[in-house]
């Protein structure tokens, strides 16, 4: 995954073939903010500028810049996997929820 981070904000980086530039999209915001650059240094500088402008606009309008998350989401899995998770959780003396949280933490930490 091509991610760039500044001040606790993350952006997904991709190459835009039509423009022959790298494009960044800041993730987890209550609106859209993107930026472009030819080099990593230029991309990082544009990320900072775009983020600063976005945060200023949010402050002016009284908008929370980051999206809020409830901490709940539905996950559909095959019944066989559900059974395997239930057995693994039981064997470890944990809930399926806790077992899933541990696995997800490992995944997003990489």
PDB file of N, CA and C in Angstrom:
ATOM      1  N   UNK A   1       0.846  -1.166   0.000  1.00  0.00           N
ATOM      2  CA  UNK A   1       0.000   0.000   0.000  1.00  0.00           C
ATOM      3  C   UNK A   1       0.894   1.233   0.000  1.00  0.00           C
ATOM      4  N   UNK A   2       0.563   2.203  -0.809  1.00  0.00           N
ATOM      5  CA  UNK A   2       1.333   3.431  -0.888  1.00  0.00           C
ATOM      6  C   UNK A   2       0.670   4.508  -0.045  1.00  0.00           C
ATOM      7  N   UNK A   3       1.152   4.652   1.188  1.00  0.00           N
ATOM      8  CA  UNK A   3       0.604   5.640   2.115  1.00  0.00           C
ATOM      9  C   UNK A   3       1.671   6.644   2.499  1.00  0.00           C
ATOM     10  N   UNK A   4       1.230   7.865   2.748  1.00  0.00           N
ATOM     11  CA  UNK A   4       2.091   8.918   3.248  1.00  0.00           C
ATOM     12  C   UNK A   4       1.379   9.508   4.458  1.00  0.00           C
ATOM     13  N   UNK A   5       2.127   9.823   5.520  1.00  0.00           N
ATOM     14  CA  UNK A   5       1.521  10.361   6.735  1.00  0.00           C
ATOM     15  C   UNK A   5       2.149  11.695   7.106  1.00  0.00           C
ATOM     16  N   UNK A   6       1.298  12.601   7.557  1.00  0.00           N
ATOM     17  CA  UNK A   6       1.736  13.892   8.080  1.00  0.00           C
ATOM     18  C   UNK A   6       0.812  14.261   9.233  1.00  0.00           C
ATOM     19  N   UNK A   7       1.386  14.565  10.374  1.00  0.00           N
ATOM     20  CA  UNK A   7       0.626  15.044  11.535  1.00  0.00           C
ATOM     21  C   UNK A   7      -0.570  14.169  11.882  1.00  0.00           C
ATOM     22  N   UNK A   8      -0.422  12.860  11.763  1.00  0.00           N
ATOM     23  CA  UNK A   8      -1.494  11.941  12.119  1.00  0.00           C
ATOM     24  C   UNK A   8      -2.534  11.743  11.024  1.00  0.00           C
ATOM     25  N   UNK A   9      -2.365  12.375   9.886  1.00  0.00           N
ATOM     26  CA  UNK A   9      -3.265  12.183   8.751  1.00  0.00           C
ATOM     27  C   UNK A   9      -2.554  11.306   7.723  1.00  0.00           C
ATOM     28  N   UNK A  10      -3.321  10.441   7.062  1.00  0.00           N
ATOM     29  CA  UNK A  10      -2.756   9.532   6.061  1.00  0.00           C
ATOM     30  C   UNK A  10      -3.342   9.851   4.693  1.00  0.00           C
ATOM     31  N   UNK A  11      -2.509   9.660   3.679  1.00  0.00           N
ATOM     32  CA  UNK A  11      -2.958   9.840   2.306  1.00  0.00           C
ATOM     33  C   UNK A  11      -2.549   8.624   1.489  1.00  0.00           C
ATOM     34  N   UNK A  12      -3.428   8.233   0.595  1.00  0.00           N
ATOM     35  CA  UNK A  12      -3.160   7.151  -0.343  1.00  0.00           C
ATOM     36  C   UNK A  12      -2.524   7.779  -1.582  1.00  0.00           C
ATOM     37  N   UNK A  13      -1.408   7.209  -2.025  1.00  0.00           N
ATOM     38  CA  UNK A  13      -0.677   7.752  -3.154  1.00  0.00           C
ATOM     39  C   UNK A  13      -0.811   6.817  -4.356  1.00  0.00           C
ATOM     40  N   UNK A  14      -1.094   7.394  -5.520  1.00  0.00           N
ATOM     41  CA  UNK A  14      -1.204   6.627  -6.760  1.00  0.00           C
ATOM     42  C   UNK A  14      -0.602   7.456  -7.895  1.00  0.00           C
ATOM     43  N   UNK A  15      -0.239   6.779  -8.959  1.00  0.00           N
ATOM     44  CA  UNK A  15       0.308   7.460 -10.120  1.00  0.00           C
ATOM     45  C   UNK A  15      -0.814   7.752 -11.106  1.00  0.00           C
ATOM     46  N   UNK A  16      -0.921   8.992 -11.546  1.00  0.00           N
ATOM     47  CA  UNK A  16      -1.918   9.397 -12.535  1.00  0.00           C
ATOM     48  C   UNK A  16      -1.222   9.469 -13.893  1.00  0.00           C
ATOM     49  N   UNK A  17      -1.460   8.457 -14.706  1.00  0.00           N
ATOM     50  CA  UNK A  17      -0.773   8.342 -15.993  1.00  0.00           C
ATOM     51  C   UNK A  17      -1.124   9.493 -16.943  1.00  0.00           C
ATOM     52  N   UNK A  18      -2.371   9.929 -16.930  1.00  0.00           N
ATOM     53  CA  UNK A  18      -2.793  11.018 -17.818  1.00  0.00           C
ATOM     54  C   UNK A  18      -2.049  12.314 -17.531  1.00  0.00           C
ATOM     55  N   UNK A  19      -1.841  12.613 -16.247  1.00  0.00           N
ATOM     56  CA  UNK A  19      -1.158  13.851 -15.866  1.00  0.00           C
ATOM     57  C   UNK A  19       0.345  13.677 -15.687  1.00  0.00           C
ATOM     58  N   UNK A  20       0.796  12.423 -15.676  1.00  0.00           N
ATOM     59  CA  UNK A  20       2.198  12.102 -15.416  1.00  0.00           C
ATOM     60  C   UNK A  20       2.653  12.682 -14.079  1.00  0.00           C
ATOM     61  N   UNK A  21       1.782  12.532 -13.074  1.00  0.00           N
ATOM     62  CA  UNK A  21       2.043  13.019 -11.721  1.00  0.00           C
ATOM     63  C   UNK A  21       1.581  11.975 -10.713  1.00  0.00           C
ATOM     64  N   UNK A  22       2.116  12.084  -9.522  1.00  0.00           N
ATOM     65  CA  UNK A  22       1.597  11.283  -8.418  1.00  0.00           C
ATOM     66  C   UNK A  22       0.450  12.056  -7.798  1.00  0.00           C
ATOM     67  N   UNK A  23      -0.607  11.332  -7.422  1.00  0.00           N
ATOM     68  CA  UNK A  23      -1.785  11.935  -6.801  1.00  0.00           C
ATOM     69  C   UNK A  23      -1.939  11.368  -5.403  1.00  0.00           C
ATOM     70  N   UNK A  24      -2.194  12.248  -4.464  1.00  0.00           N
ATOM     71  CA  UNK A  24      -2.471  11.824  -3.098  1.00  0.00           C
ATOM     72  C   UNK A  24      -3.896  12.174  -2.727  1.00  0.00           C
ATOM     73  N   UNK A  25      -4.519  11.296  -1.978  1.00  0.00           N
ATOM     74  CA  UNK A  25      -5.873  11.537  -1.466  1.00  0.00           C
ATOM     75  C   UNK A  25      -5.833  11.353   0.041  1.00  0.00           C
ATOM     76  N   UNK A  26      -6.153  12.421   0.784  1.00  0.00           N
ATOM     77  CA  UNK A  26      -6.129  12.346   2.246  1.00  0.00           C
ATOM     78  C   UNK A  26      -7.339  11.538   2.699  1.00  0.00           C
ATOM     79  N   UNK A  27      -7.093  10.563   3.544  1.00  0.00           N
ATOM     80  CA  UNK A  27      -8.120   9.601   3.960  1.00  0.00           C
ATOM     81  C   UNK A  27      -8.733   9.978   5.304  1.00  0.00           C
ATOM     82  N   UNK A  28      -9.976   9.553   5.520  1.00  0.00           N
ATOM     83  CA  UNK A  28     -10.639   9.702   6.813  1.00  0.00           C
ATOM     84  C   UNK A  28     -11.165  11.094   7.103  1.00  0.00           C
ATOM     85  N   UNK A  29     -11.358  11.906   6.072  1.00  0.00           N
ATOM     86  CA  UNK A  29     -11.817  13.282   6.271  1.00  0.00           C
ATOM     87  C   UNK A  29     -13.321  13.412   6.060  1.00  0.00           C
ATOM     88  N   UNK A  30     -13.876  14.504   6.552  1.00  0.00           N
ATOM     89  CA  UNK A  30     -15.290  14.836   6.345  1.00  0.00           C
ATOM     90  C   UNK A  30     -15.491  15.567   5.027  1.00  0.00           C
ATOM     91  N   UNK A  31     -14.639  15.346   4.095  1.00  0.00           N
ATOM     92  CA  UNK A  31     -14.715  15.968   2.787  1.00  0.00           C
ATOM     93  C   UNK A  31     -13.554  15.467   1.961  1.00  0.00           C
ATOM     94  N   UNK A  32     -13.420  15.995   0.781  1.00  0.00           N
ATOM     95  CA  UNK A  32     -12.352  15.545  -0.093  1.00  0.00           C
ATOM     96  C   UNK A  32     -11.174  16.492  -0.074  1.00  0.00           C
ATOM     97  N   UNK A  33      -9.979  15.942  -0.092  1.00  0.00           N
ATOM     98  CA  UNK A  33      -8.762  16.736  -0.193  1.00  0.00           C
ATOM     99  C   UNK A  33      -7.724  15.890  -0.916  1.00  0.00           C
ATOM    100  N   UNK A  34      -7.252  16.405  -2.043  1.00  0.00           N
ATOM    101  CA  UNK A  34      -6.221  15.683  -2.771  1.00  0.00           C
ATOM    102  C   UNK A  34      -5.107  16.645  -3.167  1.00  0.00           C
ATOM    103  N   UNK A  35      -4.039  16.097  -3.718  1.00  0.00           N
ATOM    104  CA  UNK A  35      -2.862  16.890  -4.051  1.00  0.00           C
ATOM    105  C   UNK A  35      -2.033  16.120  -5.068  1.00  0.00           C
ATOM    106  N   UNK A  36      -1.163  16.830  -5.768  1.00  0.00           N
ATOM    107  CA  UNK A  36      -0.346  16.235  -6.827  1.00  0.00           C
ATOM    108  C   UNK A  36       1.105  16.662  -6.681  1.00  0.00           C
ATOM    109  N   UNK A  37       2.011  15.828  -7.181  1.00  0.00           N
ATOM    110  CA  UNK A  37       3.421  16.175  -7.187  1.00  0.00           C
ATOM    111  C   UNK A  37       4.201  15.261  -8.114  1.00  0.00           C
ATOM    112  N   UNK A  38       5.367  15.754  -8.562  1.00  0.00           N
ATOM    113  CA  UNK A  38       6.228  14.969  -9.448  1.00  0.00           C
ATOM    114  C   UNK A  38       7.212  14.106  -8.682  1.00  0.00           C
ATOM    115  N   UNK A  39       7.615  14.574  -7.511  1.00  0.00           N
ATOM    116  CA  UNK A  39       8.617  13.870  -6.706  1.00  0.00           C
ATOM    117  C   UNK A  39       8.051  13.637  -5.307  1.00  0.00           C
ATOM    118  N   UNK A  40       8.655  12.741  -4.553  1.00  0.00           N
ATOM    119  CA  UNK A  40       8.194  12.541  -3.173  1.00  0.00           C
ATOM    120  C   UNK A  40       8.256  13.836  -2.354  1.00  0.00           C
ATOM    121  N   UNK A  41       9.293  14.626  -2.559  1.00  0.00           N
ATOM    122  CA  UNK A  41       9.427  15.882  -1.816  1.00  0.00           C
ATOM    123  C   UNK A  41       8.307  16.855  -2.177  1.00  0.00           C
ATOM    124  N   UNK A  42       8.036  16.970  -3.462  1.00  0.00           N
ATOM    125  CA  UNK A  42       6.961  17.856  -3.919  1.00  0.00           C
ATOM    126  C   UNK A  42       5.608  17.342  -3.433  1.00  0.00           C
ATOM    127  N   UNK A  43       5.422  16.035  -3.466  1.00  0.00           N
ATOM    128  CA  UNK A  43       4.179  15.430  -3.012  1.00  0.00           C
ATOM    129  C   UNK A  43       3.947  15.704  -1.523  1.00  0.00           C
ATOM    130  N   UNK A  44       5.013  15.553  -0.731  1.00  0.00           N
ATOM    131  CA  UNK A  44       4.901  15.808   0.714  1.00  0.00           C
ATOM    132  C   UNK A  44       4.561  17.278   0.985  1.00  0.00           C
ATOM    133  N   UNK A  45       5.203  18.188   0.256  1.00  0.00           N
ATOM    134  CA  UNK A  45       4.923  19.623   0.435  1.00  0.00           C
ATOM    135  C   UNK A  45       3.478  19.942   0.054  1.00  0.00           C
ATOM    136  N   UNK A  46       2.998  19.350  -1.046  1.00  0.00           N
ATOM    137  CA  UNK A  46       1.619  19.579  -1.469  1.00  0.00           C
ATOM    138  C   UNK A  46       0.622  18.950  -0.498  1.00  0.00           C
ATOM    139  N   UNK A  47       0.990  17.820   0.089  1.00  0.00           N
ATOM    140  CA  UNK A  47       0.158  17.191   1.127  1.00  0.00           C
ATOM    141  C   UNK A  47      -0.017  18.175   2.279  1.00  0.00           C
ATOM    142  N   UNK A  48       1.085  18.738   2.764  1.00  0.00           N
ATOM    143  CA  UNK A  48       1.017  19.699   3.876  1.00  0.00           C
ATOM    144  C   UNK A  48       0.138  20.891   3.514  1.00  0.00           C
ATOM    145  N   UNK A  49       0.328  21.430   2.302  1.00  0.00           N
ATOM    146  CA  UNK A  49      -0.468  22.588   1.874  1.00  0.00           C
ATOM    147  C   UNK A  49      -1.949  22.247   1.786  1.00  0.00           C
ATOM    148  N   UNK A  50      -2.270  21.126   1.154  1.00  0.00           N
ATOM    149  CA  UNK A  50      -3.655  20.719   0.990  1.00  0.00           C
ATOM    150  C   UNK A  50      -4.319  20.475   2.343  1.00  0.00           C
ATOM    151  N   UNK A  51      -3.591  19.808   3.241  1.00  0.00           N
ATOM    152  CA  UNK A  51      -4.129  19.546   4.575  1.00  0.00           C
ATOM    153  C   UNK A  51      -4.369  20.849   5.325  1.00  0.00           C
ATOM    154  N   UNK A  52      -3.425  21.769   5.240  1.00  0.00           N
ATOM    155  CA  UNK A  52      -3.566  23.054   5.932  1.00  0.00           C
ATOM    156  C   UNK A  52      -4.789  23.817   5.431  1.00  0.00           C
ATOM    157  N   UNK A  53      -4.967  23.870   4.129  1.00  0.00           N
ATOM    158  CA  UNK A  53      -6.131  24.554   3.552  1.00  0.00           C
ATOM    159  C   UNK A  53      -7.415  23.867   4.002  1.00  0.00           C
ATOM    160  N   UNK A  54      -7.442  22.551   3.960  1.00  0.00           N
ATOM    161  CA  UNK A  54      -8.638  21.807   4.374  1.00  0.00           C
ATOM    162  C   UNK A  54      -8.967  22.107   5.839  1.00  0.00           C
ATOM    163  N   UNK A  55      -7.958  22.071   6.709  1.00  0.00           N
ATOM    164  CA  UNK A  55      -8.190  22.328   8.135  1.00  0.00           C
ATOM    165  C   UNK A  55      -8.647  23.766   8.376  1.00  0.00           C
ATOM    166  N   UNK A  56      -8.122  24.710   7.628  1.00  0.00           N
ATOM    167  CA  UNK A  56      -8.545  26.111   7.760  1.00  0.00           C
ATOM    168  C   UNK A  56     -10.005  26.283   7.360  1.00  0.00           C
ATOM    169  N   UNK A  57     -10.399  25.657   6.259  1.00  0.00           N
ATOM    170  CA  UNK A  57     -11.792  25.738   5.807  1.00  0.00           C
ATOM    171  C   UNK A  57     -12.714  25.102   6.845  1.00  0.00           C
ATOM    172  N   UNK A  58     -12.304  23.967   7.400  1.00  0.00           N
ATOM    173  CA  UNK A  58     -13.119  23.312   8.434  1.00  0.00           C
ATOM    174  C   UNK A  58     -13.272  24.223   9.648  1.00  0.00           C
ATOM    175  N   UNK A  59     -12.184  24.863  10.071  1.00  0.00           N
ATOM    176  CA  UNK A  59     -12.238  25.762  11.227  1.00  0.00           C
ATOM    177  C   UNK A  59     -13.171  26.941  10.950  1.00  0.00           C
ATOM    178  N   UNK A  60     -13.092  27.511   9.749  1.00  0.00           N
ATOM    179  CA  UNK A  60     -13.956  28.641   9.376  1.00  0.00           C
ATOM    180  C   UNK A  60     -15.430  28.256   9.392  1.00  0.00           C
ATOM    181  N   UNK A  61     -15.726  27.032   8.953  1.00  0.00           N
ATOM    182  CA  UNK A  61     -17.117  26.587   8.836  1.00  0.00           C
ATOM    183  C   UNK A  61     -17.607  25.821  10.061  1.00  0.00           C
ATOM    184  N   UNK A  62     -16.727  25.626  11.050  1.00  0.00           N
ATOM    185  CA  UNK A  62     -17.115  24.895  12.254  1.00  0.00           C
ATOM    186  C   UNK A  62     -17.355  23.419  12.005  1.00  0.00           C
ATOM    187  N   UNK A  63     -16.608  22.837  11.076  1.00  0.00           N
ATOM    188  CA  UNK A  63     -16.768  21.429  10.721  1.00  0.00           C
ATOM    189  C   UNK A  63     -15.640  20.621  11.339  1.00  0.00           C
ATOM    190  N   UNK A  64     -15.964  19.475  11.900  1.00  0.00           N
ATOM    191  CA  UNK A  64     -14.957  18.542  12.395  1.00  0.00           C
ATOM    192  C   UNK A  64     -14.231  17.964  11.181  1.00  0.00           C
ATOM    193  N   UNK A  65     -12.888  18.117  11.087  1.00  0.00           N
ATOM    194  CA  UNK A  65     -12.184  17.660   9.890  1.00  0.00           C
ATOM    195  C   UNK A  65     -12.182  16.143   9.689  1.00  0.00           C
ATOM    196  N   UNK A  66     -12.100  15.396  10.761  1.00  0.00           N
ATOM    197  CA  UNK A  66     -12.047  13.932  10.640  1.00  0.00           C
ATOM    198  C   UNK A  66     -13.442  13.337  10.713  1.00  0.00           C
ATOM    199  N   UNK A  67     -13.662  12.311   9.891  1.00  0.00           N
ATOM    200  CA  UNK A  67     -14.915  11.560   9.987  1.00  0.00           C
ATOM    201  C   UNK A  67     -14.951  10.857  11.336  1.00  0.00           C
ATOM    202  N   UNK A  68     -16.120  10.740  11.880  1.00  0.00           N
ATOM    203  CA  UNK A  68     -16.293   9.999  13.142  1.00  0.00           C
ATOM    204  C   UNK A  68     -16.718   8.578  12.805  1.00  0.00           C
ATOM    205  N   UNK A  69     -16.218   7.654  13.574  1.00  0.00           N
ATOM    206  CA  UNK A  69     -16.560   6.245  13.386  1.00  0.00           C
ATOM    207  C   UNK A  69     -17.185   5.718  14.669  1.00  0.00           C
ATOM    208  N   UNK A  70     -18.217   4.898  14.528  1.00  0.00           N
ATOM    209  CA  UNK A  70     -18.965   4.397  15.680  1.00  0.00           C
ATOM    210  C   UNK A  70     -18.233   3.283  16.417  1.00  0.00           C
ATOM    211  N   UNK A  71     -17.311   2.615  15.723  1.00  0.00           N
ATOM    212  CA  UNK A  71     -16.661   1.461  16.327  1.00  0.00           C
ATOM    213  C   UNK A  71     -17.434   0.169  16.063  1.00  0.00           C
ATOM    214  N   UNK A  72     -18.462   0.281  15.227  1.00  0.00           N
ATOM    215  CA  UNK A  72     -19.260  -0.894  14.885  1.00  0.00           C
ATOM    216  C   UNK A  72     -19.313  -1.032  13.369  1.00  0.00           C
ATOM    217  N   UNK A  73     -19.221  -2.261  12.878  1.00  0.00           N
ATOM    218  CA  UNK A  73     -19.449  -2.538  11.472  1.00  0.00           C
ATOM    219  C   UNK A  73     -19.867  -3.988  11.328  1.00  0.00           C
ATOM    220  N   UNK A  74     -20.629  -4.262  10.289  1.00  0.00           N
ATOM    221  CA  UNK A  74     -21.081  -5.625  10.023  1.00  0.00           C
ATOM    222  C   UNK A  74     -20.081  -6.312   9.119  1.00  0.00           C
ATOM    223  N   UNK A  75     -19.849  -7.564   9.393  1.00  0.00           N
ATOM    224  CA  UNK A  75     -18.918  -8.346   8.595  1.00  0.00           C
ATOM    225  C   UNK A  75     -19.607  -9.644   8.207  1.00  0.00           C
ATOM    226  N   UNK A  76     -19.671  -9.893   6.921  1.00  0.00           N
ATOM    227  CA  UNK A  76     -20.281 -11.128   6.437  1.00  0.00           C
ATOM    228  C   UNK A  76     -19.167 -12.098   6.076  1.00  0.00           C
ATOM    229  N   UNK A  77     -19.236 -13.274   6.664  1.00  0.00           N
ATOM    230  CA  UNK A  77     -18.221 -14.301   6.417  1.00  0.00           C
ATOM    231  C   UNK A  77     -18.924 -15.637   6.177  1.00  0.00           C
ATOM    232  N   UNK A  78     -18.240 -16.557   5.552  1.00  0.00           N
ATOM    233  CA  UNK A  78     -18.843 -17.874   5.346  1.00  0.00           C
ATOM    234  C   UNK A  78     -19.108 -18.564   6.694  1.00  0.00           C
ATOM    235  N   UNK A  79     -20.174 -19.354   6.767  1.00  0.00           N
ATOM    236  CA  UNK A  79     -20.506 -20.048   8.017  1.00  0.00           C
ATOM    237  C   UNK A  79     -19.348 -20.900   8.550  1.00  0.00           C
ATOM    238  N   UNK A  80     -18.572 -21.483   7.641  1.00  0.00           N
ATOM    239  CA  UNK A  80     -17.449 -22.321   8.085  1.00  0.00           C
ATOM    240  C   UNK A  80     -16.401 -21.485   8.823  1.00  0.00           C
ATOM    241  N   UNK A  81     -16.127 -20.298   8.319  1.00  0.00           N
ATOM    242  CA  UNK A  81     -15.166 -19.412   8.978  1.00  0.00           C
ATOM    243  C   UNK A  81     -15.710 -18.941  10.317  1.00  0.00           C
ATOM    244  N   UNK A  82     -17.013 -18.661  10.364  1.00  0.00           N
ATOM    245  CA  UNK A  82     -17.657 -18.266  11.616  1.00  0.00           C
ATOM    246  C   UNK A  82     -17.469 -19.362  12.674  1.00  0.00           C
ATOM    247  N   UNK A  83     -17.690 -20.598  12.263  1.00  0.00           N
ATOM    248  CA  UNK A  83     -17.518 -21.721  13.188  1.00  0.00           C
ATOM    249  C   UNK A  83     -16.069 -21.820  13.653  1.00  0.00           C
ATOM    250  N   UNK A  84     -15.124 -21.703  12.722  1.00  0.00           N
ATOM    251  CA  UNK A  84     -13.709 -21.774  13.081  1.00  0.00           C
ATOM    252  C   UNK A  84     -13.319 -20.661  14.050  1.00  0.00           C
ATOM    253  N   UNK A  85     -13.832 -19.455  13.817  1.00  0.00           N
ATOM    254  CA  UNK A  85     -13.553 -18.339  14.721  1.00  0.00           C
ATOM    255  C   UNK A  85     -14.132 -18.594  16.109  1.00  0.00           C
ATOM    256  N   UNK A  86     -15.353 -19.100  16.144  1.00  0.00           N
ATOM    257  CA  UNK A  86     -15.997 -19.376  17.428  1.00  0.00           C
ATOM    258  C   UNK A  86     -15.199 -20.410  18.219  1.00  0.00           C
ATOM    259  N   UNK A  87     -14.734 -21.445  17.544  1.00  0.00           N
ATOM    260  CA  UNK A  87     -13.956 -22.492  18.213  1.00  0.00           C
ATOM    261  C   UNK A  87     -12.612 -21.943  18.683  1.00  0.00           C
ATOM    262  N   UNK A  88     -11.942 -21.167  17.819  1.00  0.00           N
ATOM    263  CA  UNK A  88     -10.651 -20.580  18.198  1.00  0.00           C
ATOM    264  C   UNK A  88     -10.806 -19.629  19.374  1.00  0.00           C
ATOM    265  N   UNK A  89     -11.852 -18.824  19.353  1.00  0.00           N
ATOM    266  CA  UNK A  89     -12.095 -17.880  20.442  1.00  0.00           C
ATOM    267  C   UNK A  89     -12.381 -18.627  21.749  1.00  0.00           C
ATOM    268  N   UNK A  90     -13.211 -19.636  21.667  1.00  0.00           N
ATOM    269  CA  UNK A  90     -13.530 -20.440  22.841  1.00  0.00           C
ATOM    270  C   UNK A  90     -12.275 -21.091  23.410  1.00  0.00           C
ATOM    271  N   UNK A  91     -11.440 -21.612  22.523  1.00  0.00           N
ATOM    272  CA  UNK A  91     -10.211 -22.288  22.960  1.00  0.00           C
ATOM    273  C   UNK A  91      -9.269 -21.325  23.691  1.00  0.00           C
ATOM    274  N   UNK A  92      -9.301 -20.053  23.289  1.00  0.00           N
ATOM    275  CA  UNK A  92      -8.436 -19.054  23.915  1.00  0.00           C
ATOM    276  C   UNK A  92      -9.125 -18.310  25.053  1.00  0.00           C
ATOM    277  N   UNK A  93     -10.386 -18.675  25.317  1.00  0.00           N
ATOM    278  CA  UNK A  93     -11.136 -18.011  26.388  1.00  0.00           C
ATOM    279  C   UNK A  93     -11.462 -16.563  26.051  1.00  0.00           C
ATOM    280  N   UNK A  94     -11.680 -16.297  24.768  1.00  0.00           N
ATOM    281  CA  UNK A  94     -11.972 -14.943  24.311  1.00  0.00           C
ATOM    282  C   UNK A  94     -13.285 -14.933  23.543  1.00  0.00           C
ATOM    283  N   UNK A  95     -13.790 -13.736  23.313  1.00  0.00           N
ATOM    284  CA  UNK A  95     -14.968 -13.593  22.453  1.00  0.00           C
ATOM    285  C   UNK A  95     -14.506 -13.522  21.000  1.00  0.00           C
ATOM    286  N   UNK A  96     -15.426 -13.799  20.088  1.00  0.00           N
ATOM    287  CA  UNK A  96     -15.123 -13.646  18.665  1.00  0.00           C
ATOM    288  C   UNK A  96     -14.735 -12.196  18.388  1.00  0.00           C
ATOM    289  N   UNK A  97     -15.417 -11.280  19.021  1.00  0.00           N
ATOM    290  CA  UNK A  97     -15.142  -9.860  18.838  1.00  0.00           C
ATOM    291  C   UNK A  97     -13.691  -9.531  19.201  1.00  0.00           C
ATOM    292  N   UNK A  98     -13.227 -10.018  20.353  1.00  0.00           N
ATOM    293  CA  UNK A  98     -11.857  -9.747  20.785  1.00  0.00           C
ATOM    294  C   UNK A  98     -10.852 -10.396  19.839  1.00  0.00           C
ATOM    295  N   UNK A  99     -11.130 -11.617  19.414  1.00  0.00           N
ATOM    296  CA  UNK A  99     -10.247 -12.316  18.488  1.00  0.00           C
ATOM    297  C   UNK A  99     -10.156 -11.544  17.160  1.00  0.00           C
ATOM    298  N   UNK A 100     -11.283 -11.060  16.679  1.00  0.00           N
ATOM    299  CA  UNK A 100     -11.300 -10.279  15.437  1.00  0.00           C
ATOM    300  C   UNK A 100     -10.550  -8.962  15.613  1.00  0.00           C
ATOM    301  N   UNK A 101     -10.729  -8.296  16.739  1.00  0.00           N
ATOM    302  CA  UNK A 101     -10.009  -7.042  17.008  1.00  0.00           C
ATOM    303  C   UNK A 101      -8.501  -7.264  16.969  1.00  0.00           C
ATOM    304  N   UNK A 102      -8.048  -8.336  17.583  1.00  0.00           N
ATOM    305  CA  UNK A 102      -6.607  -8.643  17.596  1.00  0.00           C
ATOM    306  C   UNK A 102      -6.087  -8.860  16.173  1.00  0.00           C
ATOM    307  N   UNK A 103      -6.847  -9.601  15.375  1.00  0.00           N
ATOM    308  CA  UNK A 103      -6.420  -9.883  13.994  1.00  0.00           C
ATOM    309  C   UNK A 103      -6.420  -8.591  13.166  1.00  0.00           C
ATOM    310  N   UNK A 104      -7.410  -7.747  13.365  1.00  0.00           N
ATOM    311  CA  UNK A 104      -7.476  -6.494  12.611  1.00  0.00           C
ATOM    312  C   UNK A 104      -6.358  -5.549  13.010  1.00  0.00           C
ATOM    313  N   UNK A 105      -6.029  -5.503  14.291  1.00  0.00           N
ATOM    314  CA  UNK A 105      -4.902  -4.663  14.746  1.00  0.00           C
ATOM    315  C   UNK A 105      -3.598  -5.063  14.076  1.00  0.00           C
ATOM    316  N   UNK A 106      -3.381  -6.382  13.993  1.00  0.00           N
ATOM    317  CA  UNK A 106      -2.176  -6.881  13.330  1.00  0.00           C
ATOM    318  C   UNK A 106      -2.168  -6.438  11.874  1.00  0.00           C
ATOM    319  N   UNK A 107      -3.320  -6.520  11.216  1.00  0.00           N
ATOM    320  CA  UNK A 107      -3.399  -6.173   9.793  1.00  0.00           C
ATOM    321  C   UNK A 107      -3.135  -4.697   9.535  1.00  0.00           C
ATOM    322  N   UNK A 108      -3.700  -3.800  10.310  1.00  0.00           N
ATOM    323  CA  UNK A 108      -3.515  -2.374  10.047  1.00  0.00           C
ATOM    324  C   UNK A 108      -2.182  -1.846  10.558  1.00  0.00           C
ATOM    325  N   UNK A 109      -1.517  -2.603  11.430  1.00  0.00           N
ATOM    326  CA  UNK A 109      -0.206  -2.189  11.933  1.00  0.00           C
ATOM    327  C   UNK A 109       0.870  -2.389  10.876  1.00  0.00           C
ATOM    328  N   UNK A 110       0.619  -3.221   9.895  1.00  0.00           N
ATOM    329  CA  UNK A 110       1.623  -3.490   8.847  1.00  0.00           C
ATOM    330  C   UNK A 110       1.547  -2.488   7.729  1.00  0.00           C
TER     331      UNK A 110
END
